[in-house]
């Protein structure tokens, strides 16, 4: 069971134009930096990307957006990216906004094999337009469908060669559910170790959900905003 690839470029060998990609990360936290850079080098276009947001103007998924490789974004937050705003207002980018909890649950539903779920979030707003609604126990709910991907791209803190994954703190975010909801899950690991070196009770995603893995490198671990205390006087 050899899932280890030499690098991000090799792991993305079958990525084609028009693919749907689930990308782990929250803002810039936990972004799969190596895989984003490899997709940029590959030049794959017309991508649909499912992620909490699209990075910033220059960093994270914003790199792909700026290179005009993204056709559609399915996300819950679209701030801090001027190019995102420009493309959307110019009609160059399709955007599907989801409340953040709904976005996470749609991905989880795909991984769990569910056909959808009813939620009160978004009832009476544009989010609910064109969707089935139902009154349950006197309260109105809207039906949300699962979100599946052709690929999931994820960064783990530690992983073994079989693909058991451990995330670190808030870098965990959307990544675990995304691993379950894609046809092919590709993981870059900050630390890639031999099988048996991870404590079983500490594993966040078991290897059954991971198809390809490689040792990441050169991490910048971008920060969206850095605030420092002003100097006295």
Protein backbone atom coordinates (compact mmCIF):
# COMPACT_ATOMS: atom_id res chain seq x y z
CA UNK A 1 0.00 0.00 0.00
CA UNK A 2 2.30 2.72 -1.27
CA UNK A 3 0.57 6.10 -1.15
CA UNK A 4 3.74 8.20 -0.98
CA UNK A 5 4.56 10.51 -3.90
CA UNK A 6 7.80 12.44 -4.33
CA UNK A 7 6.17 15.88 -4.41
CA UNK A 8 3.02 17.89 -5.08
CA UNK A 9 3.49 17.97 -8.85
CA UNK A 10 3.64 14.18 -9.04
CA UNK A 11 0.61 13.77 -6.76
CA UNK A 12 -1.50 15.98 -9.05
CA UNK A 13 -0.70 14.00 -12.20
CA UNK A 14 -4.35 13.49 -13.21
CA UNK A 15 -5.81 16.90 -12.31
CA UNK A 16 -7.75 18.19 -15.31
CA UNK A 17 -9.47 21.42 -16.30
CA UNK A 18 -12.94 21.77 -14.79
CA UNK A 19 -12.22 19.72 -11.67
CA UNK A 20 -13.97 20.33 -8.34
CA UNK A 21 -11.42 20.79 -5.54
CA UNK A 22 -12.08 20.79 -1.81
CA UNK A 23 -9.30 22.86 -0.27
CA UNK A 24 -8.56 22.69 3.44
CA UNK A 25 -7.79 25.85 5.33
CA UNK A 26 -9.49 28.70 7.16
CA UNK A 27 -8.37 31.98 5.72
CA UNK A 28 -4.65 31.34 5.33
CA UNK A 29 -4.46 29.00 8.33
CA UNK A 30 -3.75 25.39 7.38
CA UNK A 31 -3.51 26.07 3.65
CA UNK A 32 -1.96 23.27 1.53
CA UNK A 33 0.78 25.60 0.32
CA UNK A 34 2.72 23.06 -1.78
CA UNK A 35 -0.40 21.81 -3.58
CA UNK A 36 -1.71 25.31 -4.33
CA UNK A 37 1.69 26.22 -5.83
CA UNK A 38 1.72 23.00 -7.88
CA UNK A 39 -1.77 23.67 -9.29
CA UNK A 40 -0.58 27.15 -10.22
CA UNK A 41 2.47 25.73 -12.02
CA UNK A 42 0.31 23.14 -13.76
CA UNK A 43 -1.94 25.87 -15.16
CA UNK A 44 -5.16 23.89 -14.67
CA UNK A 45 -8.17 26.10 -15.44
CA UNK A 46 -11.95 26.35 -14.98
CA UNK A 47 -11.68 24.99 -11.46
CA UNK A 48 -14.51 24.93 -8.96
CA UNK A 49 -13.00 25.38 -5.50
CA UNK A 50 -14.81 24.65 -2.27
CA UNK A 51 -13.15 26.41 0.65
CA UNK A 52 -14.09 28.65 3.54
CA UNK A 53 -12.70 31.58 1.53
CA UNK A 54 -10.28 32.33 -1.31
CA UNK A 55 -7.24 33.48 0.62
CA UNK A 56 -6.05 37.06 0.18
CA UNK A 57 -5.27 39.00 -2.98
CA UNK A 58 -1.72 37.62 -3.15
CA UNK A 59 -1.66 34.51 -0.95
CA UNK A 60 -3.37 31.15 -0.46
CA UNK A 61 -6.04 30.28 -3.01
CA UNK A 62 -5.82 33.89 -4.15
CA UNK A 63 -2.78 32.77 -6.16
CA UNK A 64 -5.02 30.60 -8.35
CA UNK A 65 -7.73 33.24 -8.56
CA UNK A 66 -5.28 35.91 -9.68
CA UNK A 67 -3.98 33.56 -12.38
CA UNK A 68 -7.55 33.15 -13.67
CA UNK A 69 -7.58 29.41 -12.95
CA UNK A 70 -10.80 29.51 -10.90
CA UNK A 71 -14.23 29.51 -12.55
CA UNK A 72 -16.39 29.16 -9.43
CA UNK A 73 -15.94 29.56 -5.67
CA UNK A 74 -18.21 27.84 -3.15
CA UNK A 75 -17.41 29.48 0.16
CA UNK A 76 -18.73 31.31 3.20
CA UNK A 77 -16.44 34.34 3.44
CA UNK A 78 -15.17 36.46 0.58
CA UNK A 79 -13.42 39.39 2.27
CA UNK A 80 -9.74 40.40 2.14
CA UNK A 81 -9.31 39.61 -1.54
CA UNK A 82 -9.60 42.58 -3.87
CA UNK A 83 -9.18 40.43 -6.98
CA UNK A 84 -12.08 38.25 -5.84
CA UNK A 85 -14.24 41.36 -5.56
CA UNK A 86 -13.15 42.65 -8.94
CA UNK A 87 -13.78 39.37 -10.79
CA UNK A 88 -17.16 38.85 -9.15
CA UNK A 89 -18.42 42.37 -9.87
CA UNK A 90 -17.17 42.08 -13.45
CA UNK A 91 -19.09 38.83 -13.94
CA UNK A 92 -15.87 36.86 -14.42
CA UNK A 93 -16.26 34.63 -11.36
CA UNK A 94 -19.22 32.54 -10.24
CA UNK A 95 -19.77 32.58 -6.48
CA UNK A 96 -22.00 30.37 -4.33
CA UNK A 97 -22.17 31.66 -0.77
CA UNK A 98 -22.97 29.32 2.11
CA UNK A 99 -23.33 30.02 5.81
CA UNK A 100 -20.19 28.60 7.38
CA UNK A 101 -21.90 25.85 9.36
CA UNK A 102 -23.93 24.86 6.31
CA UNK A 103 -20.77 24.67 4.21
CA UNK A 104 -19.10 22.35 6.71
CA UNK A 105 -22.21 20.18 7.05
CA UNK A 106 -22.66 19.88 3.29
CA UNK A 107 -19.12 18.53 3.03
CA UNK A 108 -19.65 16.22 6.00
CA UNK A 109 -22.91 14.95 4.47
CA UNK A 110 -21.05 14.01 1.29
CA UNK A 111 -18.49 12.04 3.26
CA UNK A 112 -21.21 10.32 5.29
CA UNK A 113 -23.14 9.26 2.19
CA UNK A 114 -26.18 11.39 2.99
CA UNK A 115 -28.49 12.77 0.34
CA UNK A 116 -28.88 16.10 2.11
CA UNK A 117 -30.16 17.67 5.31
CA UNK A 118 -32.68 20.25 6.49
CA UNK A 119 -31.44 23.37 8.29
CA UNK A 120 -33.18 26.54 9.48
CA UNK A 121 -30.11 28.61 8.54
CA UNK A 122 -30.79 30.76 5.50
CA UNK A 123 -34.58 30.40 5.45
CA UNK A 124 -36.15 33.53 3.97
CA UNK A 125 -32.87 34.73 2.41
CA UNK A 126 -31.18 34.41 -0.99
CA UNK A 127 -29.48 31.29 0.33
CA UNK A 128 -32.83 29.48 0.22
CA UNK A 129 -33.91 30.62 -3.25
CA UNK A 130 -34.80 27.69 -5.51
CA UNK A 131 -34.38 25.11 -2.74
CA UNK A 132 -36.94 22.82 -1.19
CA UNK A 133 -38.28 23.96 2.17
CA UNK A 134 -40.26 22.05 4.78
CA UNK A 135 -41.98 22.90 8.04
CA UNK A 136 -40.97 20.56 10.86
CA UNK A 137 -42.46 20.98 14.34
CA UNK A 138 -43.68 24.42 13.39
CA UNK A 139 -40.35 25.71 12.10
CA UNK A 140 -39.32 26.18 8.49
CA UNK A 141 -36.19 24.46 7.17
CA UNK A 142 -34.34 24.51 3.86
CA UNK A 143 -32.89 21.44 2.17
CA UNK A 144 -29.14 21.57 1.53
CA UNK A 145 -27.39 19.08 -0.74
CA UNK A 146 -23.99 17.43 -0.15
CA UNK A 147 -20.79 18.93 -1.55
CA UNK A 148 -18.49 16.38 -3.16
CA UNK A 149 -15.14 16.94 -4.81
CA UNK A 150 -13.05 15.31 -7.48
CA UNK A 151 -10.03 16.10 -5.32
CA UNK A 152 -9.39 17.23 -1.77
CA UNK A 153 -6.10 19.04 -1.10
CA UNK A 154 -5.12 19.10 2.56
CA UNK A 155 -2.14 19.90 4.78
CA UNK A 156 -1.48 17.77 7.87
CA UNK A 157 0.95 18.48 10.68
CA UNK A 158 2.02 14.83 10.96
CA UNK A 159 1.18 11.81 8.85
CA UNK A 160 2.46 8.31 8.38
CA UNK A 161 3.18 6.60 5.09
CA UNK A 162 -0.23 4.92 5.04
CA UNK A 163 -2.01 8.27 5.31
CA UNK A 164 -3.10 8.46 8.96
CA UNK A 165 -3.28 12.16 9.73
CA UNK A 166 -2.78 14.46 12.71
CA UNK A 167 -3.57 18.17 12.51
CA UNK A 168 -2.30 20.92 14.79
CA UNK A 169 -4.71 23.25 16.55
CA UNK A 170 -6.77 25.56 14.30
CA UNK A 171 -5.02 24.28 11.16
CA UNK A 172 -7.38 21.33 11.54
CA UNK A 173 -10.47 23.40 10.52
CA UNK A 174 -12.31 22.02 7.42
CA UNK A 175 -9.64 19.48 6.46
CA UNK A 176 -10.93 16.30 8.19
CA UNK A 177 -14.39 16.42 6.59
CA UNK A 178 -12.90 17.30 3.21
CA UNK A 179 -10.76 14.17 3.34
CA UNK A 180 -13.93 12.07 3.47
CA UNK A 181 -15.82 13.85 0.67
CA UNK A 182 -13.53 13.60 -2.37
CA UNK A 183 -12.86 10.91 -4.94
CA UNK A 184 -9.12 11.49 -4.46
CA UNK A 185 -7.65 13.00 -1.28
CA UNK A 186 -4.12 14.36 -1.60
CA UNK A 187 -2.26 15.29 1.58
CA UNK A 188 0.96 17.21 2.11
CA UNK A 189 2.53 16.57 5.51
CA UNK A 190 4.81 18.86 7.45
CA UNK A 191 6.23 15.72 9.04
CA UNK A 192 5.98 12.35 7.28
CA UNK A 193 6.82 9.42 9.58
CA UNK A 194 6.89 5.65 9.39
CA UNK A 195 3.83 3.57 10.22
CA UNK A 196 3.59 2.98 13.97
CA UNK A 197 5.08 6.31 15.03
CA UNK A 198 1.71 8.01 15.53
CA UNK A 199 -0.29 7.44 18.70
CA UNK A 200 -3.53 5.74 17.52
CA UNK A 201 -5.75 7.76 19.86
CA UNK A 202 -4.35 11.02 18.48
CA UNK A 203 -5.17 10.36 14.81
CA UNK A 204 -7.75 12.79 13.41
CA UNK A 205 -8.25 11.17 9.99
CA UNK A 206 -7.66 7.45 9.38
CA UNK A 207 -5.72 6.31 6.33
CA UNK A 208 -8.78 4.87 4.56
CA UNK A 209 -9.71 8.39 3.44
CA UNK A 210 -6.28 9.30 2.06
CA UNK A 211 -5.15 8.26 -1.41
CA UNK A 212 -1.88 10.16 -1.95
CA UNK A 213 0.61 11.75 0.41
CA UNK A 214 3.98 13.48 0.23
CA UNK A 215 6.47 15.31 2.41
CA UNK A 216 5.81 19.04 2.18
CA UNK A 217 8.54 21.66 2.26
CA UNK A 218 9.27 25.37 2.35
CA UNK A 219 6.27 26.35 4.45
CA UNK A 220 5.68 30.08 4.90
CA UNK A 221 2.56 29.67 7.08
CA UNK A 222 1.05 32.90 5.90
CA UNK A 223 -0.67 35.31 8.28
CA UNK A 224 -3.60 37.42 7.07
CA UNK A 225 -3.11 40.28 9.51
CA UNK A 226 -0.28 40.90 11.89
CA UNK A 227 -1.00 43.27 14.77
CA UNK A 228 1.75 44.54 17.04
CA UNK A 229 1.49 46.68 20.10
CA UNK A 230 2.26 50.37 19.36
CA UNK A 231 5.42 51.70 20.94
CA UNK A 232 4.97 53.89 23.97
CA UNK A 233 5.68 57.57 23.31
